[in-house]
Amino acid sequence: MEPTSACLDTSALIALLNDAEDAHTAVLREFQKYKSSGMVFITEVVFAEASAGMSSAEELRLALDELGISDLRATDEGLFSAGQVFKEYRRSKGTGKKDGVLPDFMIGAVAKARGVALITLNDRDFVNKFSDLAVINPVKT
């Protein structure tokens, strides 16, 4: 059964907040789909990453509140899962693998633990990392 709620990755949130982004329309379409059937969330990691482009926490919170985007808090199970995926990623790290993926793994693990879909523009960081996580890249849909 497909989830009725979704979590936005930072790439999708940035595109949603900025109508000049190429992916804005595609992300907006997915956002509206999930808002009409359930809820849309972001994690603490997404809030932190998105803050880099804002002038204050209040500015970001206001934008999130206006869109009706809620906070999805991490659970111990979700964070543990992120650590396990990261451990396996490092173990199998070969050519072309990037550093700094733990925040993405945290976002994916929290979404999976909470049973919501993940909307992202960089699906390669999530696909095949979390079984049963619905990963949606709006520009590929």
C-alpha atoms as a PDB file:
ATOM      1  CA  MET A   1       0.000   0.000   0.000  1.00  0.00           C
ATOM      2  CA  GLU A   2       1.402   3.380  -1.012  1.00  0.00           C
ATOM      3  CA  PRO A   3       1.889   5.866   1.843  1.00  0.00           C
ATOM      4  CA  THR A   4      -0.581   8.740   2.069  1.00  0.00           C
ATOM      5  CA  SER A   5       1.913  11.082   3.742  1.00  0.00           C
ATOM      6  CA  ALA A   6       5.402  12.144   2.705  1.00  0.00           C
ATOM      7  CA  CYS A   7       8.646  13.621   3.952  1.00  0.00           C
ATOM      8  CA  LEU A   8      10.477  16.213   1.879  1.00  0.00           C
ATOM      9  CA  ASP A   9      14.225  15.891   1.415  1.00  0.00           C
ATOM     10  CA  THR A  10      16.148  19.179   1.443  1.00  0.00           C
ATOM     11  CA  SER A  11      16.451  19.271  -2.342  1.00  0.00           C
ATOM     12  CA  ALA A  12      12.670  18.997  -2.710  1.00  0.00           C
ATOM     13  CA  LEU A  13      11.974  21.562   0.018  1.00  0.00           C
ATOM     14  CA  ILE A  14      14.295  24.097  -1.618  1.00  0.00           C
ATOM     15  CA  ALA A  15      12.586  23.588  -4.973  1.00  0.00           C
ATOM     16  CA  LEU A  16       9.166  23.915  -3.347  1.00  0.00           C
ATOM     17  CA  LEU A  17      10.076  27.167  -1.594  1.00  0.00           C
ATOM     18  CA  ASN A  18      11.635  28.765  -4.686  1.00  0.00           C
ATOM     19  CA  ASP A  19       9.410  29.028  -7.746  1.00  0.00           C
ATOM     20  CA  ALA A  20      12.459  29.935  -9.863  1.00  0.00           C
ATOM     21  CA  GLU A  21      13.890  26.430  -9.350  1.00  0.00           C
ATOM     22  CA  ASP A  22      13.601  24.161 -12.407  1.00  0.00           C
ATOM     23  CA  ALA A  23      11.945  21.417 -10.356  1.00  0.00           C
ATOM     24  CA  HIS A  24       9.463  23.710  -8.570  1.00  0.00           C
ATOM     25  CA  THR A  25       6.394  22.678 -10.584  1.00  0.00           C
ATOM     26  CA  ALA A  26       7.143  18.964 -10.325  1.00  0.00           C
ATOM     27  CA  VAL A  27       7.763  19.143  -6.571  1.00  0.00           C
ATOM     28  CA  LEU A  28       4.667  21.295  -6.071  1.00  0.00           C
ATOM     29  CA  ARG A  29       2.578  18.638  -7.851  1.00  0.00           C
ATOM     30  CA  GLU A  30       3.827  15.870  -5.515  1.00  0.00           C
ATOM     31  CA  PHE A  31       3.490  18.133  -2.480  1.00  0.00           C
ATOM     32  CA  GLN A  32      -0.151  18.871  -3.326  1.00  0.00           C
ATOM     33  CA  LYS A  33      -0.837  15.178  -3.929  1.00  0.00           C
ATOM     34  CA  TYR A  34       0.386  14.205  -0.478  1.00  0.00           C
ATOM     35  CA  LYS A  35      -1.203  17.220   1.244  1.00  0.00           C
ATOM     36  CA  SER A  36      -4.561  16.152  -0.180  1.00  0.00           C
ATOM     37  CA  SER A  37      -4.239  12.562   1.050  1.00  0.00           C
ATOM     38  CA  GLY A  38      -2.287  12.976   4.291  1.00  0.00           C
ATOM     39  CA  MET A  39       0.473  15.150   5.666  1.00  0.00           C
ATOM     40  CA  VAL A  40       3.843  16.453   4.505  1.00  0.00           C
ATOM     41  CA  PHE A  41       6.782  16.545   6.885  1.00  0.00           C
ATOM     42  CA  ILE A  42      10.430  17.486   7.148  1.00  0.00           C
ATOM     43  CA  THR A  43      13.008  16.091   9.566  1.00  0.00           C
ATOM     44  CA  GLU A  44      15.356  18.020  11.833  1.00  0.00           C
ATOM     45  CA  VAL A  45      18.159  17.350   9.340  1.00  0.00           C
ATOM     46  CA  VAL A  46      16.156  18.939   6.508  1.00  0.00           C
ATOM     47  CA  PHE A  47      15.399  21.960   8.706  1.00  0.00           C
ATOM     48  CA  ALA A  48      19.121  22.352   9.443  1.00  0.00           C
ATOM     49  CA  GLU A  49      20.192  21.954   5.807  1.00  0.00           C
ATOM     50  CA  ALA A  50      17.486  24.311   4.508  1.00  0.00           C
ATOM     51  CA  SER A  51      18.493  26.906   7.113  1.00  0.00           C
ATOM     52  CA  ALA A  52      21.662  27.583   5.134  1.00  0.00           C
ATOM     53  CA  GLY A  53      19.545  29.446   2.579  1.00  0.00           C
ATOM     54  CA  MET A  54      17.431  31.438   5.021  1.00  0.00           C
ATOM     55  CA  SER A  55      18.125  34.569   7.036  1.00  0.00           C
ATOM     56  CA  SER A  56      16.607  33.209  10.268  1.00  0.00           C
ATOM     57  CA  ALA A  57      14.965  30.187  11.836  1.00  0.00           C
ATOM     58  CA  GLU A  58      11.777  32.235  12.108  1.00  0.00           C
ATOM     59  CA  GLU A  59      11.763  32.876   8.349  1.00  0.00           C
ATOM     60  CA  LEU A  60      12.034  29.147   7.628  1.00  0.00           C
ATOM     61  CA  ARG A  61       9.431  28.226  10.264  1.00  0.00           C
ATOM     62  CA  LEU A  62       6.999  30.786   8.823  1.00  0.00           C
ATOM     63  CA  ALA A  63       7.440  29.357   5.315  1.00  0.00           C
ATOM     64  CA  LEU A  64       6.869  25.822   6.626  1.00  0.00           C
ATOM     65  CA  ASP A  65       3.814  26.861   8.627  1.00  0.00           C
ATOM     66  CA  GLU A  66       2.299  28.653   5.624  1.00  0.00           C
ATOM     67  CA  LEU A  67       2.610  25.454   3.597  1.00  0.00           C
ATOM     68  CA  GLY A  68       1.352  23.271   6.440  1.00  0.00           C
ATOM     69  CA  ILE A  69       4.572  21.254   6.647  1.00  0.00           C
ATOM     70  CA  SER A  70       4.981  19.497   9.989  1.00  0.00           C
ATOM     71  CA  ASP A  71       8.041  18.225  11.834  1.00  0.00           C
ATOM     72  CA  LEU A  72       8.859  14.529  11.711  1.00  0.00           C
ATOM     73  CA  ARG A  73      10.957  13.713  14.752  1.00  0.00           C
ATOM     74  CA  ALA A  74      13.556  10.987  14.629  1.00  0.00           C
ATOM     75  CA  THR A  75      13.100   7.817  16.638  1.00  0.00           C
ATOM     76  CA  ASP A  76      15.862   5.668  18.083  1.00  0.00           C
ATOM     77  CA  GLU A  77      14.939   2.961  15.560  1.00  0.00           C
ATOM     78  CA  GLY A  78      15.189   5.386  12.655  1.00  0.00           C
ATOM     79  CA  LEU A  79      18.541   6.763  13.763  1.00  0.00           C
ATOM     80  CA  PHE A  80      19.911   3.282  14.401  1.00  0.00           C
ATOM     81  CA  SER A  81      18.798   2.247  10.906  1.00  0.00           C
ATOM     82  CA  ALA A  82      20.589   5.268   9.434  1.00  0.00           C
ATOM     83  CA  GLY A  83      23.774   4.246  11.218  1.00  0.00           C
ATOM     84  CA  GLN A  84      23.510   0.693   9.913  1.00  0.00           C
ATOM     85  CA  VAL A  85      22.972   1.854   6.320  1.00  0.00           C
ATOM     86  CA  PHE A  86      25.929   4.232   6.694  1.00  0.00           C
ATOM     87  CA  LYS A  87      28.116   1.415   8.051  1.00  0.00           C
ATOM     88  CA  GLU A  88      27.255  -0.794   5.057  1.00  0.00           C
ATOM     89  CA  TYR A  89      27.795   2.110   2.639  1.00  0.00           C
ATOM     90  CA  ARG A  90      31.273   2.759   4.056  1.00  0.00           C
ATOM     91  CA  ARG A  91      32.089  -0.941   3.947  1.00  0.00           C
ATOM     92  CA  SER A  92      31.174  -1.154   0.264  1.00  0.00           C
ATOM     93  CA  LYS A  93      32.500   2.286  -0.673  1.00  0.00           C
ATOM     94  CA  GLY A  94      34.106   2.168  -4.072  1.00  0.00           C
ATOM     95  CA  THR A  95      34.705   4.455  -7.006  1.00  0.00           C
ATOM     96  CA  GLY A  96      32.117   7.185  -7.372  1.00  0.00           C
ATOM     97  CA  LYS A  97      30.773   6.979  -3.833  1.00  0.00           C
ATOM     98  CA  LYS A  98      30.577  10.291  -2.027  1.00  0.00           C
ATOM     99  CA  ASP A  99      31.355  11.351   1.517  1.00  0.00           C
ATOM    100  CA  GLY A 100      28.862  13.184   3.686  1.00  0.00           C
ATOM    101  CA  VAL A 101      25.861  10.921   3.066  1.00  0.00           C
ATOM    102  CA  LEU A 102      24.959  10.296   6.710  1.00  0.00           C
ATOM    103  CA  PRO A 103      22.470  13.221   6.789  1.00  0.00           C
ATOM    104  CA  ASP A 104      20.681  11.749   3.752  1.00  0.00           C
ATOM    105  CA  PHE A 105      20.639   8.334   5.387  1.00  0.00           C
ATOM    106  CA  MET A 106      19.130   9.911   8.500  1.00  0.00           C
ATOM    107  CA  ILE A 107      16.359  11.519   6.427  1.00  0.00           C
ATOM    108  CA  GLY A 108      15.620   8.260   4.615  1.00  0.00           C
ATOM    109  CA  ALA A 109      15.698   6.149   7.773  1.00  0.00           C
ATOM    110  CA  VAL A 110      13.335   8.473   9.639  1.00  0.00           C
ATOM    111  CA  ALA A 111      10.893   8.494   6.704  1.00  0.00           C
ATOM    112  CA  LYS A 112      11.015   4.696   6.549  1.00  0.00           C
ATOM    113  CA  ALA A 113      10.587   4.279  10.312  1.00  0.00           C
ATOM    114  CA  ARG A 114       7.541   6.568  10.213  1.00  0.00           C
ATOM    115  CA  GLY A 115       6.036   4.814   7.178  1.00  0.00           C
ATOM    116  CA  VAL A 116       5.901   7.850   4.896  1.00  0.00           C
ATOM    117  CA  ALA A 117       7.122   8.352   1.336  1.00  0.00           C
ATOM    118  CA  LEU A 118      10.237  10.420   0.623  1.00  0.00           C
ATOM    119  CA  ILE A 119      10.141  13.173  -1.993  1.00  0.00           C
ATOM    120  CA  THR A 120      13.645  14.017  -3.229  1.00  0.00           C
ATOM    121  CA  LEU A 121      15.485  15.273  -6.262  1.00  0.00           C
ATOM    122  CA  ASN A 122      18.521  13.095  -5.517  1.00  0.00           C
ATOM    123  CA  ASP A 123      16.912   9.668  -5.315  1.00  0.00           C
ATOM    124  CA  ARG A 124      20.211   7.863  -5.920  1.00  0.00           C
ATOM    125  CA  ASP A 125      21.114   8.541  -2.272  1.00  0.00           C
ATOM    126  CA  PHE A 126      18.048   6.622  -1.088  1.00  0.00           C
ATOM    127  CA  VAL A 127      17.065   3.986  -3.660  1.00  0.00           C
ATOM    128  CA  ASN A 128      18.229   0.497  -2.659  1.00  0.00           C
ATOM    129  CA  LYS A 129      19.356   1.767   0.745  1.00  0.00           C
ATOM    130  CA  PHE A 130      16.041   1.376   2.589  1.00  0.00           C
ATOM    131  CA  SER A 131      13.744  -1.535   1.830  1.00  0.00           C
ATOM    132  CA  ASP A 132      10.082  -0.603   1.649  1.00  0.00           C
ATOM    133  CA  LEU A 133      10.761   3.149   1.465  1.00  0.00           C
ATOM    134  CA  ALA A 134       8.728   4.782  -1.288  1.00  0.00           C
ATOM    135  CA  VAL A 135      11.226   7.169  -2.926  1.00  0.00           C
ATOM    136  CA  ILE A 136       9.681   9.707  -5.292  1.00  0.00           C
ATOM    137  CA  ASN A 137      11.716  11.916  -7.595  1.00  0.00           C
ATOM    138  CA  PRO A 138       9.120  14.314  -9.059  1.00  0.00           C
ATOM    139  CA  VAL A 139      11.211  15.174 -12.114  1.00  0.00           C
ATOM    140  CA  LYS A 140      11.433  11.486 -13.048  1.00  0.00           C
ATOM    141  CA  THR A 141       7.717  10.781 -12.564  1.00  0.00           C
END
